[in-house]
Amino acid sequence: MKRAEDIEIIPIKVEDDGKIPNHPDFPLLIYKNVFEDGDDIPAILNANGWSGEWLGSVHPFHHYHSNTHEVLAVKEGHATLQLGGEQGEVVEAEKGDVIILPAGYGHKKIAASEDYANYGAYPGGVSFDMCYGEPEERPEKLKNIKEVRMPEYDPVFGLNRLLFNYWKKETLF
């Protein structure tokens, strides 16, 4: 695994589009090319308090989670993802990349290599909800997003707390 000071960090902030709320204060973060061959990604995430991990892919439709933050760590291959809903940014996720999605942030897979796989995990192993941007779910989901706690650790760098250079406690509701 690369050192925190040796990686490129890309913050992305997309406003609420009326369907996908995204997070009103915290940007989505992409850590480029963090993990290297031989890194035990689940063990690193677990050691930093992000658990409930699964290995698979991102759904091919816009969705978000209102009750937890999420980390996606690319194990193999590459994918084109749209982050933040229909008006969101299209990015290339590649082996070794990490995407940290604050609660409410939309994500969708547009295309992927045949070998694409990412781990997903959540602070404290919270069981995530699936939200689709439907009008009837919106009031409850906006309330949930406001109640999601700040994670204790950066999912990759732990006590280094790199995440908190971008997510500030004073920006909470």
C-alpha atoms as a PDB file:
ATOM      1  CA  MET A   1       0.000   0.000   0.000  1.00  0.00           C
ATOM      2  CA  LYS A   2       1.269   3.432  -0.832  1.00  0.00           C
ATOM      3  CA  ARG A   3       1.814   6.043   1.856  1.00  0.00           C
ATOM      4  CA  ALA A   4      -0.843   8.734   2.301  1.00  0.00           C
ATOM      5  CA  GLU A   5       1.544  11.486   1.216  1.00  0.00           C
ATOM      6  CA  ASP A   6       2.309   9.624  -2.030  1.00  0.00           C
ATOM      7  CA  ILE A   7      -1.212   9.393  -3.443  1.00  0.00           C
ATOM      8  CA  GLU A   8      -3.362  11.712  -5.502  1.00  0.00           C
ATOM      9  CA  ILE A   9      -6.680  12.629  -3.877  1.00  0.00           C
ATOM     10  CA  ILE A  10      -9.566  13.834  -6.026  1.00  0.00           C
ATOM     11  CA  PRO A  11     -12.474  15.460  -4.164  1.00  0.00           C
ATOM     12  CA  ILE A  12     -15.788  15.625  -6.034  1.00  0.00           C
ATOM     13  CA  LYS A  13     -18.756  17.699  -4.914  1.00  0.00           C
ATOM     14  CA  VAL A  14     -22.083  17.389  -6.743  1.00  0.00           C
ATOM     15  CA  GLU A  15     -25.198  19.224  -5.595  1.00  0.00           C
ATOM     16  CA  ASP A  16     -28.550  17.604  -4.838  1.00  0.00           C
ATOM     17  CA  ASP A  17     -30.380  17.126  -8.154  1.00  0.00           C
ATOM     18  CA  GLY A  18     -33.820  16.548  -6.610  1.00  0.00           C
ATOM     19  CA  LYS A  19     -33.486  12.758  -6.884  1.00  0.00           C
ATOM     20  CA  ILE A  20     -30.022  11.908  -5.608  1.00  0.00           C
ATOM     21  CA  PRO A  21     -29.275  14.113  -2.584  1.00  0.00           C
ATOM     22  CA  ASN A  22     -25.507  13.485  -2.369  1.00  0.00           C
ATOM     23  CA  HIS A  23     -24.086  14.877   0.848  1.00  0.00           C
ATOM     24  CA  PRO A  24     -24.734  18.541   1.601  1.00  0.00           C
ATOM     25  CA  ASP A  25     -21.299  19.083   3.181  1.00  0.00           C
ATOM     26  CA  PHE A  26     -18.837  16.280   2.500  1.00  0.00           C
ATOM     27  CA  PRO A  27     -17.240  15.666  -0.898  1.00  0.00           C
ATOM     28  CA  LEU A  28     -16.807  12.220  -2.365  1.00  0.00           C
ATOM     29  CA  LEU A  29     -13.104  11.331  -2.347  1.00  0.00           C
ATOM     30  CA  ILE A  30     -11.095   9.259  -4.798  1.00  0.00           C
ATOM     31  CA  TYR A  31      -7.688   8.024  -3.664  1.00  0.00           C
ATOM     32  CA  LYS A  32      -5.830   7.077  -6.851  1.00  0.00           C
ATOM     33  CA  ASN A  33      -3.743   3.911  -7.045  1.00  0.00           C
ATOM     34  CA  VAL A  34      -3.444   3.260  -3.292  1.00  0.00           C
ATOM     35  CA  PHE A  35      -3.444  -0.534  -3.147  1.00  0.00           C
ATOM     36  CA  GLU A  36      -0.732  -2.670  -4.682  1.00  0.00           C
ATOM     37  CA  ASP A  37      -0.532  -6.375  -5.550  1.00  0.00           C
ATOM     38  CA  GLY A  38      -0.407  -8.451  -2.403  1.00  0.00           C
ATOM     39  CA  ASP A  39      -2.258  -5.953  -0.193  1.00  0.00           C
ATOM     40  CA  ASP A  40      -4.988  -7.590   1.900  1.00  0.00           C
ATOM     41  CA  ILE A  41      -7.677  -4.993   1.218  1.00  0.00           C
ATOM     42  CA  PRO A  42     -10.392  -6.423   3.521  1.00  0.00           C
ATOM     43  CA  ALA A  43      -7.892  -6.699   6.404  1.00  0.00           C
ATOM     44  CA  ILE A  44      -6.834  -3.058   5.932  1.00  0.00           C
ATOM     45  CA  LEU A  45     -10.434  -1.824   5.825  1.00  0.00           C
ATOM     46  CA  ASN A  46     -11.373  -3.948   8.869  1.00  0.00           C
ATOM     47  CA  ALA A  47      -8.350  -2.734  10.848  1.00  0.00           C
ATOM     48  CA  ASN A  48      -9.635   0.807  10.329  1.00  0.00           C
ATOM     49  CA  GLY A  49     -13.173   0.051  11.491  1.00  0.00           C
ATOM     50  CA  TRP A  50     -14.788  -0.298   8.045  1.00  0.00           C
ATOM     51  CA  SER A  51     -16.375  -3.738   7.779  1.00  0.00           C
ATOM     52  CA  GLY A  52     -19.336  -5.696   6.433  1.00  0.00           C
ATOM     53  CA  GLU A  53     -17.254  -5.984   3.283  1.00  0.00           C
ATOM     54  CA  TRP A  54     -18.420  -7.629   0.121  1.00  0.00           C
ATOM     55  CA  LEU A  55     -16.664  -8.310  -3.194  1.00  0.00           C
ATOM     56  CA  GLY A  56     -18.533  -7.587  -6.403  1.00  0.00           C
ATOM     57  CA  SER A  57     -19.359  -4.584  -8.536  1.00  0.00           C
ATOM     58  CA  VAL A  58     -21.326  -1.358  -8.469  1.00  0.00           C
ATOM     59  CA  HIS A  59     -24.963  -1.629  -9.555  1.00  0.00           C
ATOM     60  CA  PRO A  60     -25.684  -0.449 -13.128  1.00  0.00           C
ATOM     61  CA  PHE A  61     -28.329   2.067 -11.925  1.00  0.00           C
ATOM     62  CA  HIS A  62     -28.238   5.223  -9.817  1.00  0.00           C
ATOM     63  CA  HIS A  63     -28.580   4.503  -6.125  1.00  0.00           C
ATOM     64  CA  TYR A  64     -27.304   5.730  -2.775  1.00  0.00           C
ATOM     65  CA  HIS A  65     -27.255   4.792   0.901  1.00  0.00           C
ATOM     66  CA  SER A  66     -28.841   7.158   3.407  1.00  0.00           C
ATOM     67  CA  ASN A  67     -27.825   5.432   6.619  1.00  0.00           C
ATOM     68  CA  THR A  68     -24.059   5.019   6.176  1.00  0.00           C
ATOM     69  CA  HIS A  69     -20.937   6.137   4.376  1.00  0.00           C
ATOM     70  CA  GLU A  70     -19.355   3.595   2.001  1.00  0.00           C
ATOM     71  CA  VAL A  71     -15.881   2.792   0.723  1.00  0.00           C
ATOM     72  CA  LEU A  72     -15.246   1.057  -2.606  1.00  0.00           C
ATOM     73  CA  ALA A  73     -11.749  -0.367  -3.119  1.00  0.00           C
ATOM     74  CA  VAL A  74     -10.973  -1.629  -6.625  1.00  0.00           C
ATOM     75  CA  LYS A  75      -9.383  -5.094  -6.455  1.00  0.00           C
ATOM     76  CA  GLU A  76      -9.167  -5.868 -10.199  1.00  0.00           C
ATOM     77  CA  GLY A  77      -9.855  -4.315 -13.584  1.00  0.00           C
ATOM     78  CA  HIS A  78     -11.355  -0.936 -14.351  1.00  0.00           C
ATOM     79  CA  ALA A  79     -14.805   0.614 -14.596  1.00  0.00           C
ATOM     80  CA  THR A  80     -16.508   3.772 -15.744  1.00  0.00           C
ATOM     81  CA  LEU A  81     -18.683   5.069 -12.920  1.00  0.00           C
ATOM     82  CA  GLN A  82     -21.081   7.981 -12.671  1.00  0.00           C
ATOM     83  CA  LEU A  83     -20.871   9.545  -9.229  1.00  0.00           C
ATOM     84  CA  GLY A  84     -23.466  11.960  -7.891  1.00  0.00           C
ATOM     85  CA  GLY A  85     -26.533  11.119 -10.011  1.00  0.00           C
ATOM     86  CA  GLU A  86     -27.505  12.040 -13.581  1.00  0.00           C
ATOM     87  CA  GLN A  87     -25.686  15.386 -13.320  1.00  0.00           C
ATOM     88  CA  GLY A  88     -22.724  13.796 -11.562  1.00  0.00           C
ATOM     89  CA  GLU A  89     -19.188  13.200 -12.724  1.00  0.00           C
ATOM     90  CA  VAL A  90     -18.121  10.281 -14.879  1.00  0.00           C
ATOM     91  CA  VAL A  91     -14.837   8.819 -13.634  1.00  0.00           C
ATOM     92  CA  GLU A  92     -12.560   5.896 -14.394  1.00  0.00           C
ATOM     93  CA  ALA A  93     -11.958   3.622 -11.419  1.00  0.00           C
ATOM     94  CA  GLU A  94      -8.874   1.427 -11.779  1.00  0.00           C
ATOM     95  CA  LYS A  95      -7.187  -1.366  -9.850  1.00  0.00           C
ATOM     96  CA  GLY A  96      -5.823   0.071  -6.602  1.00  0.00           C
ATOM     97  CA  ASP A  97      -8.204   3.046  -6.445  1.00  0.00           C
ATOM     98  CA  VAL A  98     -10.394   3.800  -3.435  1.00  0.00           C
ATOM     99  CA  ILE A  99     -13.654   5.761  -3.574  1.00  0.00           C
ATOM    100  CA  ILE A 100     -15.114   7.086  -0.324  1.00  0.00           C
ATOM    101  CA  LEU A 101     -18.804   7.917  -0.661  1.00  0.00           C
ATOM    102  CA  PRO A 102     -20.389  10.039   2.060  1.00  0.00           C
ATOM    103  CA  ALA A 103     -23.960   9.100   2.993  1.00  0.00           C
ATOM    104  CA  GLY A 104     -26.420  10.113   0.271  1.00  0.00           C
ATOM    105  CA  TYR A 105     -23.893  10.104  -2.569  1.00  0.00           C
ATOM    106  CA  GLY A 106     -25.188   8.515  -5.769  1.00  0.00           C
ATOM    107  CA  HIS A 107     -23.188   5.950  -7.715  1.00  0.00           C
ATOM    108  CA  LYS A 108     -23.745   3.868 -10.838  1.00  0.00           C
ATOM    109  CA  LYS A 109     -21.619   1.606 -13.050  1.00  0.00           C
ATOM    110  CA  ILE A 110     -21.718   2.596 -16.723  1.00  0.00           C
ATOM    111  CA  ALA A 111     -19.221   0.036 -18.052  1.00  0.00           C
ATOM    112  CA  ALA A 112     -16.490  -2.249 -16.725  1.00  0.00           C
ATOM    113  CA  SER A 113     -13.801  -4.671 -17.808  1.00  0.00           C
ATOM    114  CA  GLU A 114     -14.710  -8.347 -17.506  1.00  0.00           C
ATOM    115  CA  ASP A 115     -12.390  -8.741 -14.524  1.00  0.00           C
ATOM    116  CA  TYR A 116     -13.646  -5.670 -12.641  1.00  0.00           C
ATOM    117  CA  ALA A 117     -14.205  -6.268  -8.923  1.00  0.00           C
ATOM    118  CA  ASN A 118     -14.318  -3.960  -5.952  1.00  0.00           C
ATOM    119  CA  TYR A 119     -14.698  -4.410  -2.223  1.00  0.00           C
ATOM    120  CA  GLY A 120     -17.340  -2.376  -0.446  1.00  0.00           C
ATOM    121  CA  ALA A 121     -17.374  -1.699   3.320  1.00  0.00           C
ATOM    122  CA  TYR A 122     -19.016   0.590   5.871  1.00  0.00           C
ATOM    123  CA  PRO A 123     -17.911   2.281   9.110  1.00  0.00           C
ATOM    124  CA  GLY A 124     -18.739  -0.101  11.929  1.00  0.00           C
ATOM    125  CA  GLY A 125     -20.130  -2.634   9.442  1.00  0.00           C
ATOM    126  CA  VAL A 126     -23.503  -0.875   9.252  1.00  0.00           C
ATOM    127  CA  SER A 127     -26.052  -2.691   7.097  1.00  0.00           C
ATOM    128  CA  PHE A 128     -26.728  -0.265   4.259  1.00  0.00           C
ATOM    129  CA  ASP A 129     -30.102   0.708   2.877  1.00  0.00           C
ATOM    130  CA  MET A 130     -30.787   0.917  -0.871  1.00  0.00           C
ATOM    131  CA  CYS A 131     -32.217   4.210  -2.058  1.00  0.00           C
ATOM    132  CA  TYR A 132     -33.253   4.928  -5.623  1.00  0.00           C
ATOM    133  CA  GLY A 133     -34.146   8.615  -5.638  1.00  0.00           C
ATOM    134  CA  GLU A 134     -37.909   8.056  -5.540  1.00  0.00           C
ATOM    135  CA  PRO A 135     -39.967  11.073  -4.375  1.00  0.00           C
ATOM    136  CA  GLU A 136     -41.794   9.120  -1.669  1.00  0.00           C
ATOM    137  CA  GLU A 137     -38.529   8.035   0.012  1.00  0.00           C
ATOM    138  CA  ARG A 138     -36.902  11.469   0.008  1.00  0.00           C
ATOM    139  CA  PRO A 139     -38.060  13.025   3.327  1.00  0.00           C
ATOM    140  CA  GLU A 140     -37.014   9.983   5.366  1.00  0.00           C
ATOM    141  CA  LYS A 141     -33.720   9.564   3.499  1.00  0.00           C
ATOM    142  CA  LEU A 142     -32.715  13.218   3.916  1.00  0.00           C
ATOM    143  CA  LYS A 143     -33.323  12.848   7.664  1.00  0.00           C
ATOM    144  CA  ASN A 144     -31.217   9.668   7.732  1.00  0.00           C
ATOM    145  CA  ILE A 145     -28.289  11.368   5.973  1.00  0.00           C
ATOM    146  CA  LYS A 146     -28.241  14.109   8.633  1.00  0.00           C
ATOM    147  CA  GLU A 147     -28.028  11.462  11.372  1.00  0.00           C
ATOM    148  CA  VAL A 148     -25.068   9.500   9.957  1.00  0.00           C
ATOM    149  CA  ARG A 149     -22.094   9.898  12.270  1.00  0.00           C
ATOM    150  CA  MET A 150     -18.611  10.876  11.235  1.00  0.00           C
ATOM    151  CA  PRO A 151     -16.473   7.706  10.906  1.00  0.00           C
ATOM    152  CA  GLU A 152     -13.767   7.295  13.526  1.00  0.00           C
ATOM    153  CA  TYR A 153     -11.033   6.415  11.043  1.00  0.00           C
ATOM    154  CA  ASP A 154     -10.043   6.870   7.454  1.00  0.00           C
ATOM    155  CA  PRO A 155     -10.879   3.484   5.821  1.00  0.00           C
ATOM    156  CA  VAL A 156      -7.394   3.114   4.344  1.00  0.00           C
ATOM    157  CA  PHE A 157      -5.043   5.223   6.457  1.00  0.00           C
ATOM    158  CA  GLY A 158      -6.717   4.863   9.855  1.00  0.00           C
ATOM    159  CA  LEU A 159      -5.192   7.110  12.464  1.00  0.00           C
ATOM    160  CA  ASN A 160      -3.559   9.198   9.756  1.00  0.00           C
ATOM    161  CA  ARG A 161      -7.103  10.504   9.323  1.00  0.00           C
ATOM    162  CA  LEU A 162      -6.477  11.703   5.773  1.00  0.00           C
ATOM    163  CA  LEU A 163     -10.226  11.659   5.172  1.00  0.00           C
ATOM    164  CA  PHE A 164     -10.692  14.436   7.734  1.00  0.00           C
ATOM    165  CA  ASN A 165      -8.647  16.905   5.697  1.00  0.00           C
ATOM    166  CA  TYR A 166     -11.803  16.999   3.535  1.00  0.00           C
ATOM    167  CA  TRP A 167     -14.584  16.018   5.944  1.00  0.00           C
ATOM    168  CA  LYS A 168     -14.641  18.496   8.808  1.00  0.00           C
ATOM    169  CA  LYS A 169     -16.678  17.882  11.953  1.00  0.00           C
ATOM    170  CA  GLU A 170     -17.693  21.526  12.147  1.00  0.00           C
ATOM    171  CA  THR A 171     -19.490  21.133   8.798  1.00  0.00           C
ATOM    172  CA  LEU A 172     -21.954  18.689  10.328  1.00  0.00           C
ATOM    173  CA  PHE A 173     -25.567  19.746  10.503  1.00  0.00           C
END
